[in-house]
Amino acid sequence: MNDDIDLNSIEFYQDPQGEMVVNPENNKAFTLTVKDREFIIATTILLENDYPDAWKGCREWNKKSKANALYYDFLCVRRFLKCNWAKFDGTLDIDTYGQTHFEWVECTLRGECKYENIICNPKFNSSLTRNDINLLRMIAVDNLTAEQIAIRVARSVNTINNRRKSIQHKTGCNTIAKLVAYWYQHNLI
């Protein structure tokens, strides 16, 4: 179980038993289980903000398990991983910049799955979400570090850095200084 996961430089793949393996480039690979809460939370945040339609589809797919919240979140994250990154192909599925690279996954449900091109091959949400804007405000206006923001919002530093990288991707800003300028140029006050 990983307590603090950085959603960068990761290859995912399905093992012969059908379980998803998370293989961080600079860390030990692990089979995803319901106990990997930090990874599940970080991935949930990524999906809610960057792939909301896919996340909604994953939640609908697993709705029968909704009563058990921890297991439900695990199933939803695992569904997204299985539908997009089931092969070990040697190419990082999430690269060093936090960008996702989806794979064509052979699936027996192709052509009849109501979630085709929703969960698999998902559409990226390039709009800043309310959470993105709140995080950007803490960076640009409050001048907080990732560590300070993590304490304020009760998340890990890696989760904050993962979100910042997503915001940088959405805005085209590759530095903190450019994010600050973006904030004021777009009157996000």
N, C-alpha and C. Protein backbone atom coordinates (compact mmCIF):
# COMPACT_ATOMS: atom_id res chain seq x y z
N MET A 1 0.85 -1.18 0.00
CA MET A 1 0.00 0.00 0.00
C MET A 1 0.88 1.23 0.00
N ASN A 2 0.60 2.20 -0.89
CA ASN A 2 1.35 3.45 -0.95
C ASN A 2 0.57 4.52 -0.22
N ASP A 3 1.26 5.25 0.68
CA ASP A 3 0.59 6.29 1.45
C ASP A 3 0.55 7.63 0.73
N ASP A 4 1.53 7.89 -0.13
CA ASP A 4 1.58 9.17 -0.81
C ASP A 4 2.00 8.93 -2.24
N ILE A 5 1.09 9.07 -3.16
CA ILE A 5 1.35 8.70 -4.56
C ILE A 5 1.45 9.95 -5.42
N ASP A 6 2.44 9.95 -6.28
CA ASP A 6 2.60 10.99 -7.28
C ASP A 6 2.07 10.42 -8.59
N LEU A 7 1.04 11.04 -9.15
CA LEU A 7 0.44 10.51 -10.38
C LEU A 7 1.23 10.97 -11.60
N ASN A 8 2.51 10.70 -11.59
CA ASN A 8 3.39 10.98 -12.72
C ASN A 8 4.27 9.78 -12.94
N SER A 9 4.69 9.58 -14.18
CA SER A 9 5.62 8.51 -14.54
C SER A 9 5.09 7.14 -14.08
N ILE A 10 3.90 6.80 -14.53
CA ILE A 10 3.26 5.55 -14.13
C ILE A 10 2.85 4.74 -15.35
N GLU A 11 3.09 3.45 -15.29
CA GLU A 11 2.58 2.49 -16.27
C GLU A 11 1.56 1.62 -15.52
N PHE A 12 0.39 1.42 -16.10
CA PHE A 12 -0.62 0.53 -15.54
C PHE A 12 -0.74 -0.68 -16.45
N TYR A 13 -1.08 -1.81 -15.87
CA TYR A 13 -1.38 -2.98 -16.68
C TYR A 13 -2.18 -3.98 -15.86
N GLN A 14 -2.87 -4.86 -16.59
CA GLN A 14 -3.68 -5.89 -15.97
C GLN A 14 -2.86 -7.16 -15.88
N ASP A 15 -2.84 -7.77 -14.69
CA ASP A 15 -2.09 -9.02 -14.53
C ASP A 15 -2.94 -10.20 -15.03
N PRO A 16 -2.36 -11.39 -15.11
CA PRO A 16 -3.11 -12.55 -15.64
C PRO A 16 -4.38 -12.89 -14.85
N GLN A 17 -4.45 -12.47 -13.58
CA GLN A 17 -5.65 -12.74 -12.78
C GLN A 17 -6.72 -11.65 -12.96
N GLY A 18 -6.43 -10.64 -13.78
CA GLY A 18 -7.40 -9.59 -14.04
C GLY A 18 -7.31 -8.41 -13.11
N GLU A 19 -6.32 -8.39 -12.24
CA GLU A 19 -6.16 -7.27 -11.32
C GLU A 19 -5.28 -6.20 -11.96
N MET A 20 -5.45 -4.96 -11.54
CA MET A 20 -4.67 -3.86 -12.09
C MET A 20 -3.40 -3.65 -11.27
N VAL A 21 -2.29 -3.52 -11.98
CA VAL A 21 -0.99 -3.26 -11.37
C VAL A 21 -0.63 -1.81 -11.65
N VAL A 22 -0.19 -1.11 -10.61
CA VAL A 22 0.27 0.27 -10.71
C VAL A 22 1.79 0.20 -10.63
N ASN A 23 2.45 0.66 -11.67
CA ASN A 23 3.91 0.53 -11.75
C ASN A 23 4.55 1.92 -11.91
N PRO A 24 4.78 2.63 -10.78
CA PRO A 24 5.45 3.93 -10.85
C PRO A 24 6.90 3.73 -11.31
N GLU A 25 7.37 4.61 -12.17
CA GLU A 25 8.71 4.47 -12.75
C GLU A 25 9.80 4.43 -11.68
N ASN A 26 9.68 5.23 -10.65
CA ASN A 26 10.72 5.32 -9.63
C ASN A 26 10.30 4.73 -8.29
N ASN A 27 9.42 3.75 -8.33
CA ASN A 27 8.94 3.14 -7.10
C ASN A 27 8.55 1.70 -7.40
N LYS A 28 8.16 1.00 -6.38
CA LYS A 28 7.81 -0.41 -6.49
C LYS A 28 6.39 -0.57 -7.03
N ALA A 29 6.22 -1.47 -7.97
CA ALA A 29 4.89 -1.78 -8.51
C ALA A 29 4.03 -2.43 -7.44
N PHE A 30 2.72 -2.19 -7.50
CA PHE A 30 1.80 -2.82 -6.56
C PHE A 30 0.48 -3.12 -7.25
N THR A 31 -0.17 -4.17 -6.79
CA THR A 31 -1.50 -4.52 -7.28
C THR A 31 -2.49 -3.64 -6.54
N LEU A 32 -3.33 -2.94 -7.28
CA LEU A 32 -4.30 -2.03 -6.69
C LEU A 32 -5.31 -2.80 -5.85
N THR A 33 -5.47 -2.37 -4.61
CA THR A 33 -6.48 -2.95 -3.72
C THR A 33 -7.28 -1.82 -3.08
N VAL A 34 -8.33 -2.19 -2.41
CA VAL A 34 -9.18 -1.21 -1.73
C VAL A 34 -8.39 -0.46 -0.64
N LYS A 35 -7.29 -1.02 -0.17
CA LYS A 35 -6.48 -0.39 0.88
C LYS A 35 -5.58 0.73 0.38
N ASP A 36 -5.45 0.88 -0.93
CA ASP A 36 -4.58 1.91 -1.50
C ASP A 36 -5.32 3.24 -1.58
N ARG A 37 -5.74 3.73 -0.41
CA ARG A 37 -6.61 4.90 -0.32
C ARG A 37 -6.01 6.16 -0.94
N GLU A 38 -4.74 6.44 -0.67
CA GLU A 38 -4.15 7.68 -1.19
C GLU A 38 -4.13 7.66 -2.72
N PHE A 39 -3.80 6.52 -3.31
CA PHE A 39 -3.82 6.41 -4.77
C PHE A 39 -5.25 6.58 -5.28
N ILE A 40 -6.20 5.92 -4.65
CA ILE A 40 -7.60 6.00 -5.08
C ILE A 40 -8.12 7.42 -4.96
N ILE A 41 -7.79 8.10 -3.86
CA ILE A 41 -8.22 9.49 -3.69
C ILE A 41 -7.60 10.38 -4.75
N ALA A 42 -6.29 10.25 -4.97
CA ALA A 42 -5.60 11.08 -5.97
C ALA A 42 -6.18 10.83 -7.36
N THR A 43 -6.45 9.59 -7.69
CA THR A 43 -7.01 9.26 -9.00
C THR A 43 -8.44 9.77 -9.13
N THR A 44 -9.21 9.65 -8.06
CA THR A 44 -10.57 10.17 -8.05
C THR A 44 -10.58 11.67 -8.32
N ILE A 45 -9.70 12.40 -7.68
CA ILE A 45 -9.61 13.84 -7.89
C ILE A 45 -9.26 14.15 -9.35
N LEU A 46 -8.29 13.41 -9.88
CA LEU A 46 -7.91 13.57 -11.28
C LEU A 46 -9.11 13.34 -12.19
N LEU A 47 -9.82 12.26 -11.98
CA LEU A 47 -10.94 11.91 -12.85
C LEU A 47 -12.11 12.88 -12.71
N GLU A 48 -12.44 13.27 -11.49
CA GLU A 48 -13.54 14.22 -11.27
C GLU A 48 -13.29 15.54 -12.00
N ASN A 49 -12.04 16.00 -11.99
CA ASN A 49 -11.71 17.29 -12.57
C ASN A 49 -11.39 17.23 -14.06
N ASP A 50 -10.66 16.21 -14.48
CA ASP A 50 -10.17 16.18 -15.86
C ASP A 50 -10.99 15.30 -16.79
N TYR A 51 -11.68 14.30 -16.26
CA TYR A 51 -12.48 13.39 -17.08
C TYR A 51 -13.83 13.14 -16.40
N PRO A 52 -14.62 14.20 -16.18
CA PRO A 52 -15.86 14.05 -15.39
C PRO A 52 -16.89 13.11 -16.01
N ASP A 53 -16.99 13.07 -17.33
CA ASP A 53 -17.95 12.16 -17.96
C ASP A 53 -17.54 10.71 -17.73
N ALA A 54 -16.25 10.44 -17.84
CA ALA A 54 -15.75 9.08 -17.58
C ALA A 54 -15.98 8.70 -16.13
N TRP A 55 -15.72 9.63 -15.23
CA TRP A 55 -15.91 9.35 -13.80
C TRP A 55 -17.38 9.06 -13.50
N LYS A 56 -18.27 9.83 -14.11
CA LYS A 56 -19.71 9.58 -13.93
C LYS A 56 -20.06 8.19 -14.46
N GLY A 57 -19.50 7.82 -15.62
CA GLY A 57 -19.75 6.49 -16.18
C GLY A 57 -19.24 5.39 -15.27
N CYS A 58 -18.07 5.57 -14.69
CA CYS A 58 -17.52 4.56 -13.76
C CYS A 58 -18.42 4.40 -12.54
N ARG A 59 -18.95 5.52 -12.07
CA ARG A 59 -19.82 5.47 -10.88
C ARG A 59 -21.14 4.77 -11.23
N GLU A 60 -21.67 5.03 -12.43
CA GLU A 60 -22.89 4.34 -12.85
C GLU A 60 -22.62 2.84 -13.02
N TRP A 61 -21.49 2.49 -13.61
CA TRP A 61 -21.11 1.09 -13.86
C TRP A 61 -21.12 0.30 -12.55
N ASN A 62 -20.65 0.92 -11.47
CA ASN A 62 -20.48 0.23 -10.19
C ASN A 62 -21.53 0.61 -9.15
N LYS A 63 -22.65 1.17 -9.56
CA LYS A 63 -23.63 1.71 -8.62
C LYS A 63 -24.17 0.69 -7.61
N LYS A 64 -24.13 -0.59 -7.94
CA LYS A 64 -24.64 -1.61 -7.00
C LYS A 64 -23.77 -1.69 -5.75
N SER A 65 -22.53 -1.21 -5.82
CA SER A 65 -21.62 -1.26 -4.68
C SER A 65 -21.55 0.05 -3.91
N LYS A 66 -22.43 0.99 -4.22
CA LYS A 66 -22.37 2.33 -3.65
C LYS A 66 -22.48 2.36 -2.13
N ALA A 67 -23.16 1.40 -1.54
CA ALA A 67 -23.35 1.39 -0.09
C ALA A 67 -22.04 1.24 0.66
N ASN A 68 -21.07 0.59 0.06
CA ASN A 68 -19.74 0.42 0.67
C ASN A 68 -18.81 1.42 -0.02
N ALA A 69 -18.71 2.63 0.53
CA ALA A 69 -18.03 3.76 -0.13
C ALA A 69 -16.58 3.46 -0.49
N LEU A 70 -15.81 2.83 0.39
CA LEU A 70 -14.41 2.55 0.09
C LEU A 70 -14.27 1.58 -1.07
N TYR A 71 -15.07 0.53 -1.04
CA TYR A 71 -15.03 -0.46 -2.11
C TYR A 71 -15.55 0.13 -3.42
N TYR A 72 -16.57 0.95 -3.33
CA TYR A 72 -17.16 1.61 -4.49
C TYR A 72 -16.12 2.49 -5.20
N ASP A 73 -15.40 3.31 -4.44
CA ASP A 73 -14.36 4.17 -5.03
C ASP A 73 -13.27 3.32 -5.68
N PHE A 74 -12.88 2.25 -5.01
CA PHE A 74 -11.88 1.34 -5.56
C PHE A 74 -12.36 0.77 -6.90
N LEU A 75 -13.60 0.27 -6.94
CA LEU A 75 -14.13 -0.32 -8.17
C LEU A 75 -14.18 0.70 -9.31
N CYS A 76 -14.55 1.93 -8.97
CA CYS A 76 -14.65 2.97 -10.00
C CYS A 76 -13.28 3.30 -10.58
N VAL A 77 -12.27 3.45 -9.73
CA VAL A 77 -10.91 3.72 -10.21
C VAL A 77 -10.41 2.53 -11.02
N ARG A 78 -10.61 1.33 -10.51
CA ARG A 78 -10.15 0.14 -11.22
C ARG A 78 -10.83 0.02 -12.59
N ARG A 79 -12.11 0.35 -12.68
CA ARG A 79 -12.82 0.30 -13.96
C ARG A 79 -12.16 1.25 -14.96
N PHE A 80 -11.86 2.47 -14.53
CA PHE A 80 -11.23 3.43 -15.42
C PHE A 80 -9.87 2.92 -15.90
N LEU A 81 -9.09 2.37 -14.99
CA LEU A 81 -7.77 1.85 -15.36
C LEU A 81 -7.90 0.69 -16.35
N LYS A 82 -8.81 -0.24 -16.08
CA LYS A 82 -8.99 -1.39 -16.97
C LYS A 82 -9.44 -0.99 -18.37
N CYS A 83 -10.28 0.02 -18.45
CA CYS A 83 -10.81 0.44 -19.75
C CYS A 83 -9.81 1.26 -20.56
N ASN A 84 -8.77 1.76 -19.92
CA ASN A 84 -7.85 2.65 -20.63
C ASN A 84 -6.39 2.20 -20.64
N TRP A 85 -5.99 1.36 -19.69
CA TRP A 85 -4.58 1.03 -19.57
C TRP A 85 -4.36 -0.42 -19.15
N ALA A 86 -4.90 -1.36 -19.86
CA ALA A 86 -4.80 -2.77 -19.44
C ALA A 86 -3.53 -3.46 -19.93
N LYS A 87 -2.81 -2.86 -20.88
CA LYS A 87 -1.64 -3.52 -21.46
C LYS A 87 -0.34 -2.98 -20.88
N PHE A 88 0.62 -3.87 -20.69
CA PHE A 88 1.97 -3.44 -20.35
C PHE A 88 2.69 -3.24 -21.68
N ASP A 89 2.87 -1.97 -22.05
CA ASP A 89 3.45 -1.68 -23.36
C ASP A 89 4.76 -0.91 -23.31
N GLY A 90 5.25 -0.64 -22.10
CA GLY A 90 6.52 0.05 -21.97
C GLY A 90 6.44 1.55 -22.16
N THR A 91 5.25 2.07 -22.46
CA THR A 91 5.06 3.51 -22.59
C THR A 91 4.33 3.99 -21.34
N LEU A 92 4.84 5.05 -20.72
CA LEU A 92 4.19 5.56 -19.52
C LEU A 92 2.76 5.99 -19.85
N ASP A 93 1.81 5.53 -19.04
CA ASP A 93 0.42 5.88 -19.24
C ASP A 93 0.13 7.28 -18.70
N ILE A 94 0.82 7.66 -17.65
CA ILE A 94 0.84 9.04 -17.19
C ILE A 94 2.31 9.43 -17.17
N ASP A 95 2.67 10.43 -17.97
CA ASP A 95 4.09 10.75 -18.14
C ASP A 95 4.63 11.63 -17.01
N THR A 96 5.87 12.04 -17.14
CA THR A 96 6.53 12.82 -16.08
C THR A 96 5.89 14.19 -15.87
N TYR A 97 5.12 14.66 -16.83
CA TYR A 97 4.43 15.95 -16.71
C TYR A 97 2.99 15.80 -16.25
N GLY A 98 2.57 14.57 -15.97
CA GLY A 98 1.21 14.33 -15.53
C GLY A 98 0.20 14.20 -16.66
N GLN A 99 0.69 14.11 -17.91
CA GLN A 99 -0.20 13.98 -19.06
C GLN A 99 -0.56 12.50 -19.26
N THR A 100 -1.81 12.25 -19.57
CA THR A 100 -2.30 10.89 -19.77
C THR A 100 -2.12 10.47 -21.22
N HIS A 101 -1.80 9.19 -21.40
CA HIS A 101 -1.65 8.60 -22.73
C HIS A 101 -2.46 7.30 -22.74
N PHE A 102 -3.66 7.38 -23.32
CA PHE A 102 -4.57 6.24 -23.30
C PHE A 102 -4.19 5.21 -24.36
N GLU A 103 -4.53 3.97 -24.07
CA GLU A 103 -4.25 2.84 -24.96
C GLU A 103 -5.57 2.33 -25.55
N TRP A 104 -5.47 1.70 -26.69
CA TRP A 104 -6.63 0.99 -27.24
C TRP A 104 -6.67 -0.35 -26.52
N VAL A 105 -7.70 -0.57 -25.74
CA VAL A 105 -7.84 -1.79 -24.96
C VAL A 105 -8.80 -2.72 -25.68
N GLU A 106 -8.30 -3.93 -25.96
CA GLU A 106 -9.19 -4.94 -26.57
C GLU A 106 -10.27 -5.28 -25.56
N CYS A 107 -11.49 -5.19 -25.97
CA CYS A 107 -12.60 -5.42 -25.05
C CYS A 107 -13.70 -6.19 -25.78
N THR A 108 -14.24 -7.19 -25.12
CA THR A 108 -15.31 -7.98 -25.72
C THR A 108 -16.61 -7.19 -25.83
N LEU A 109 -16.69 -6.05 -25.17
CA LEU A 109 -17.91 -5.24 -25.22
C LEU A 109 -17.87 -4.14 -26.27
N ARG A 110 -16.77 -4.05 -27.05
CA ARG A 110 -16.67 -3.01 -28.09
C ARG A 110 -17.88 -3.09 -29.02
N GLY A 111 -18.45 -1.92 -29.28
CA GLY A 111 -19.60 -1.84 -30.18
C GLY A 111 -20.95 -2.01 -29.51
N GLU A 112 -20.95 -2.50 -28.26
CA GLU A 112 -22.23 -2.67 -27.56
C GLU A 112 -22.24 -2.07 -26.17
N CYS A 113 -21.08 -1.62 -25.68
CA CYS A 113 -21.00 -1.03 -24.34
C CYS A 113 -21.52 0.40 -24.38
N LYS A 114 -22.44 0.72 -23.48
CA LYS A 114 -22.99 2.08 -23.47
C LYS A 114 -21.98 3.11 -22.96
N TYR A 115 -20.86 2.64 -22.41
CA TYR A 115 -19.82 3.55 -21.91
C TYR A 115 -18.63 3.65 -22.86
N GLU A 116 -18.75 3.06 -24.07
CA GLU A 116 -17.67 3.16 -25.04
C GLU A 116 -17.46 4.62 -25.42
N ASN A 117 -16.24 5.04 -25.43
CA ASN A 117 -15.84 6.43 -25.68
C ASN A 117 -16.36 7.40 -24.62
N ILE A 118 -16.73 6.86 -23.49
CA ILE A 118 -17.05 7.67 -22.31
C ILE A 118 -16.04 7.31 -21.23
N ILE A 119 -16.07 6.02 -20.80
CA ILE A 119 -15.05 5.56 -19.85
C ILE A 119 -13.76 5.29 -20.60
N CYS A 120 -13.83 4.51 -21.65
CA CYS A 120 -12.62 4.28 -22.47
C CYS A 120 -12.49 5.45 -23.44
N ASN A 121 -11.26 5.79 -23.76
CA ASN A 121 -11.00 6.91 -24.66
C ASN A 121 -11.77 8.16 -24.23
N PRO A 122 -11.62 8.56 -22.94
CA PRO A 122 -12.44 9.64 -22.39
C PRO A 122 -12.07 11.02 -22.93
N LYS A 123 -13.03 11.91 -22.83
CA LYS A 123 -12.84 13.29 -23.26
C LYS A 123 -12.24 14.10 -22.11
N PHE A 124 -11.16 14.82 -22.40
CA PHE A 124 -10.49 15.67 -21.42
C PHE A 124 -11.30 16.94 -21.20
N ASN A 125 -11.52 17.30 -19.95
CA ASN A 125 -12.22 18.54 -19.61
C ASN A 125 -11.17 19.65 -19.49
N SER A 126 -11.08 20.49 -20.52
CA SER A 126 -10.06 21.53 -20.53
C SER A 126 -10.48 22.78 -19.76
N SER A 127 -11.69 22.82 -19.26
CA SER A 127 -12.15 23.96 -18.47
C SER A 127 -11.65 23.85 -17.05
N LEU A 128 -11.36 25.00 -16.47
CA LEU A 128 -10.98 25.00 -15.06
C LEU A 128 -12.23 24.75 -14.22
N THR A 129 -12.14 23.79 -13.31
CA THR A 129 -13.26 23.50 -12.41
C THR A 129 -13.21 24.46 -11.23
N ARG A 130 -14.24 24.43 -10.43
CA ARG A 130 -14.27 25.24 -9.21
C ARG A 130 -13.09 24.90 -8.32
N ASN A 131 -12.78 23.60 -8.21
CA ASN A 131 -11.62 23.18 -7.40
C ASN A 131 -10.31 23.69 -7.98
N ASP A 132 -10.21 23.67 -9.32
CA ASP A 132 -9.01 24.21 -9.97
C ASP A 132 -8.83 25.68 -9.64
N ILE A 133 -9.92 26.44 -9.73
CA ILE A 133 -9.85 27.88 -9.47
C ILE A 133 -9.49 28.14 -8.01
N ASN A 134 -10.05 27.36 -7.09
CA ASN A 134 -9.69 27.53 -5.67
C ASN A 134 -8.21 27.26 -5.44
N LEU A 135 -7.70 26.21 -6.06
CA LEU A 135 -6.28 25.90 -5.92
C LEU A 135 -5.42 27.00 -6.55
N LEU A 136 -5.82 27.45 -7.71
CA LEU A 136 -5.09 28.52 -8.39
C LEU A 136 -5.09 29.80 -7.55
N ARG A 137 -6.20 30.10 -6.87
CA ARG A 137 -6.26 31.26 -5.99
C ARG A 137 -5.26 31.13 -4.85
N MET A 138 -5.16 29.94 -4.27
CA MET A 138 -4.21 29.73 -3.17
C MET A 138 -2.77 29.91 -3.65
N ILE A 139 -2.51 29.56 -4.90
CA ILE A 139 -1.17 29.73 -5.46
C ILE A 139 -0.92 31.19 -5.81
N ALA A 140 -1.86 31.81 -6.56
CA ALA A 140 -1.63 33.14 -7.12
C ALA A 140 -1.87 34.27 -6.13
N VAL A 141 -2.91 34.18 -5.34
CA VAL A 141 -3.28 35.28 -4.45
C VAL A 141 -2.72 35.07 -3.05
N ASP A 142 -2.92 33.88 -2.51
CA ASP A 142 -2.45 33.61 -1.15
C ASP A 142 -0.96 33.30 -1.09
N ASN A 143 -0.36 33.04 -2.27
CA ASN A 143 1.08 32.75 -2.37
C ASN A 143 1.49 31.57 -1.49
N LEU A 144 0.66 30.53 -1.47
CA LEU A 144 0.93 29.36 -0.64
C LEU A 144 1.76 28.33 -1.41
N THR A 145 2.58 27.61 -0.69
CA THR A 145 3.34 26.50 -1.27
C THR A 145 2.44 25.26 -1.32
N ALA A 146 2.89 24.25 -2.02
CA ALA A 146 2.14 22.99 -2.08
C ALA A 146 1.94 22.41 -0.69
N GLU A 147 2.96 22.52 0.15
CA GLU A 147 2.88 22.00 1.52
C GLU A 147 1.81 22.74 2.32
N GLN A 148 1.77 24.06 2.19
CA GLN A 148 0.78 24.86 2.91
C GLN A 148 -0.63 24.58 2.41
N ILE A 149 -0.78 24.44 1.11
CA ILE A 149 -2.10 24.12 0.54
C ILE A 149 -2.55 22.74 1.00
N ALA A 150 -1.63 21.78 1.00
CA ALA A 150 -1.96 20.42 1.44
C ALA A 150 -2.51 20.42 2.86
N ILE A 151 -1.89 21.20 3.73
CA ILE A 151 -2.37 21.30 5.12
C ILE A 151 -3.75 21.95 5.15
N ARG A 152 -3.93 23.00 4.39
CA ARG A 152 -5.20 23.74 4.39
C ARG A 152 -6.37 22.89 3.90
N VAL A 153 -6.14 22.08 2.87
CA VAL A 153 -7.25 21.30 2.29
C VAL A 153 -7.22 19.82 2.69
N ALA A 154 -6.32 19.46 3.58
CA ALA A 154 -6.23 18.09 4.10
C ALA A 154 -6.02 17.06 3.00
N ARG A 155 -5.07 17.34 2.12
CA ARG A 155 -4.66 16.41 1.06
C ARG A 155 -3.15 16.27 1.11
N SER A 156 -2.62 15.31 0.39
CA SER A 156 -1.17 15.13 0.37
C SER A 156 -0.52 16.16 -0.54
N VAL A 157 0.74 16.40 -0.34
CA VAL A 157 1.50 17.32 -1.19
C VAL A 157 1.49 16.82 -2.63
N ASN A 158 1.64 15.51 -2.81
CA ASN A 158 1.61 14.96 -4.17
C ASN A 158 0.27 15.20 -4.85
N THR A 159 -0.82 15.08 -4.11
CA THR A 159 -2.13 15.35 -4.69
C THR A 159 -2.22 16.80 -5.14
N ILE A 160 -1.72 17.72 -4.34
CA ILE A 160 -1.73 19.14 -4.71
C ILE A 160 -0.87 19.35 -5.95
N ASN A 161 0.31 18.75 -5.97
CA ASN A 161 1.18 18.89 -7.14
C ASN A 161 0.56 18.27 -8.40
N ASN A 162 -0.14 17.15 -8.23
CA ASN A 162 -0.83 16.54 -9.37
C ASN A 162 -1.88 17.50 -9.94
N ARG A 163 -2.65 18.13 -9.06
CA ARG A 163 -3.68 19.07 -9.51
C ARG A 163 -3.05 20.29 -10.17
N ARG A 164 -1.96 20.79 -9.59
CA ARG A 164 -1.28 21.95 -10.17
C ARG A 164 -0.82 21.63 -11.59
N LYS A 165 -0.26 20.45 -11.79
CA LYS A 165 0.19 20.07 -13.13
C LYS A 165 -0.98 19.99 -14.10
N SER A 166 -2.12 19.51 -13.63
CA SER A 166 -3.31 19.47 -14.48
C SER A 166 -3.75 20.89 -14.85
N ILE A 167 -3.73 21.79 -13.88
CA ILE A 167 -4.10 23.19 -14.14
C ILE A 167 -3.12 23.80 -15.14
N GLN A 168 -1.84 23.50 -14.97
CA GLN A 168 -0.85 24.01 -15.91
C GLN A 168 -1.14 23.50 -17.32
N HIS A 169 -1.53 22.25 -17.43
CA HIS A 169 -1.87 21.68 -18.74
C HIS A 169 -3.09 22.39 -19.32
N LYS A 170 -4.12 22.60 -18.51
CA LYS A 170 -5.35 23.24 -18.98
C LYS A 170 -5.11 24.68 -19.41
N THR A 171 -4.22 25.38 -18.71
CA THR A 171 -4.00 26.80 -18.99
C THR A 171 -2.84 27.05 -19.96
N GLY A 172 -2.02 26.04 -20.19
CA GLY A 172 -0.85 26.22 -21.03
C GLY A 172 0.28 26.95 -20.31
N CYS A 173 0.21 27.02 -19.01
CA CYS A 173 1.22 27.71 -18.21
C CYS A 173 2.20 26.68 -17.64
N ASN A 174 3.46 26.77 -18.02
CA ASN A 174 4.41 25.75 -17.58
C ASN A 174 5.20 26.14 -16.34
N THR A 175 4.92 27.31 -15.75
CA THR A 175 5.59 27.71 -14.52
C THR A 175 4.57 28.31 -13.55
N ILE A 176 4.95 28.39 -12.29
CA ILE A 176 4.10 29.02 -11.28
C ILE A 176 3.90 30.49 -11.62
N ALA A 177 4.96 31.16 -12.05
CA ALA A 177 4.86 32.59 -12.41
C ALA A 177 3.83 32.80 -13.51
N LYS A 178 3.79 31.90 -14.48
CA LYS A 178 2.81 32.01 -15.57
C LYS A 178 1.39 31.74 -15.06
N LEU A 179 1.27 30.85 -14.08
CA LEU A 179 -0.05 30.61 -13.48
C LEU A 179 -0.55 31.86 -12.77
N VAL A 180 0.35 32.53 -12.05
CA VAL A 180 -0.02 33.78 -11.35
C VAL A 180 -0.47 34.82 -12.38
N ALA A 181 0.31 34.96 -13.45
CA ALA A 181 -0.06 35.91 -14.50
C ALA A 181 -1.40 35.54 -15.12
N TYR A 182 -1.65 34.25 -15.34
CA TYR A 182 -2.91 33.77 -15.90
C TYR A 182 -4.08 34.18 -15.00
N TRP A 183 -3.90 34.02 -13.70
CA TRP A 183 -4.93 34.39 -12.73
C TRP A 183 -5.38 35.83 -12.94
N TYR A 184 -4.41 36.74 -13.00
CA TYR A 184 -4.74 38.15 -13.10
C TYR A 184 -5.17 38.55 -14.51
N GLN A 185 -4.62 37.94 -15.54
CA GLN A 185 -5.00 38.25 -16.92
C GLN A 185 -6.44 37.84 -17.20
N HIS A 186 -6.89 36.80 -16.54
CA HIS A 186 -8.25 36.31 -16.77
C HIS A 186 -9.23 36.75 -15.69
N ASN A 187 -8.81 37.69 -14.85
CA ASN A 187 -9.68 38.27 -13.81
C ASN A 187 -10.43 37.20 -13.01
N LEU A 188 -9.68 36.23 -12.52
CA LEU A 188 -10.31 35.15 -11.75
C LEU A 188 -10.54 35.51 -10.29
N ILE A 189 -10.38 36.77 -9.97
CA ILE A 189 -10.55 37.26 -8.61
C ILE A 189 -11.94 37.12 -8.21
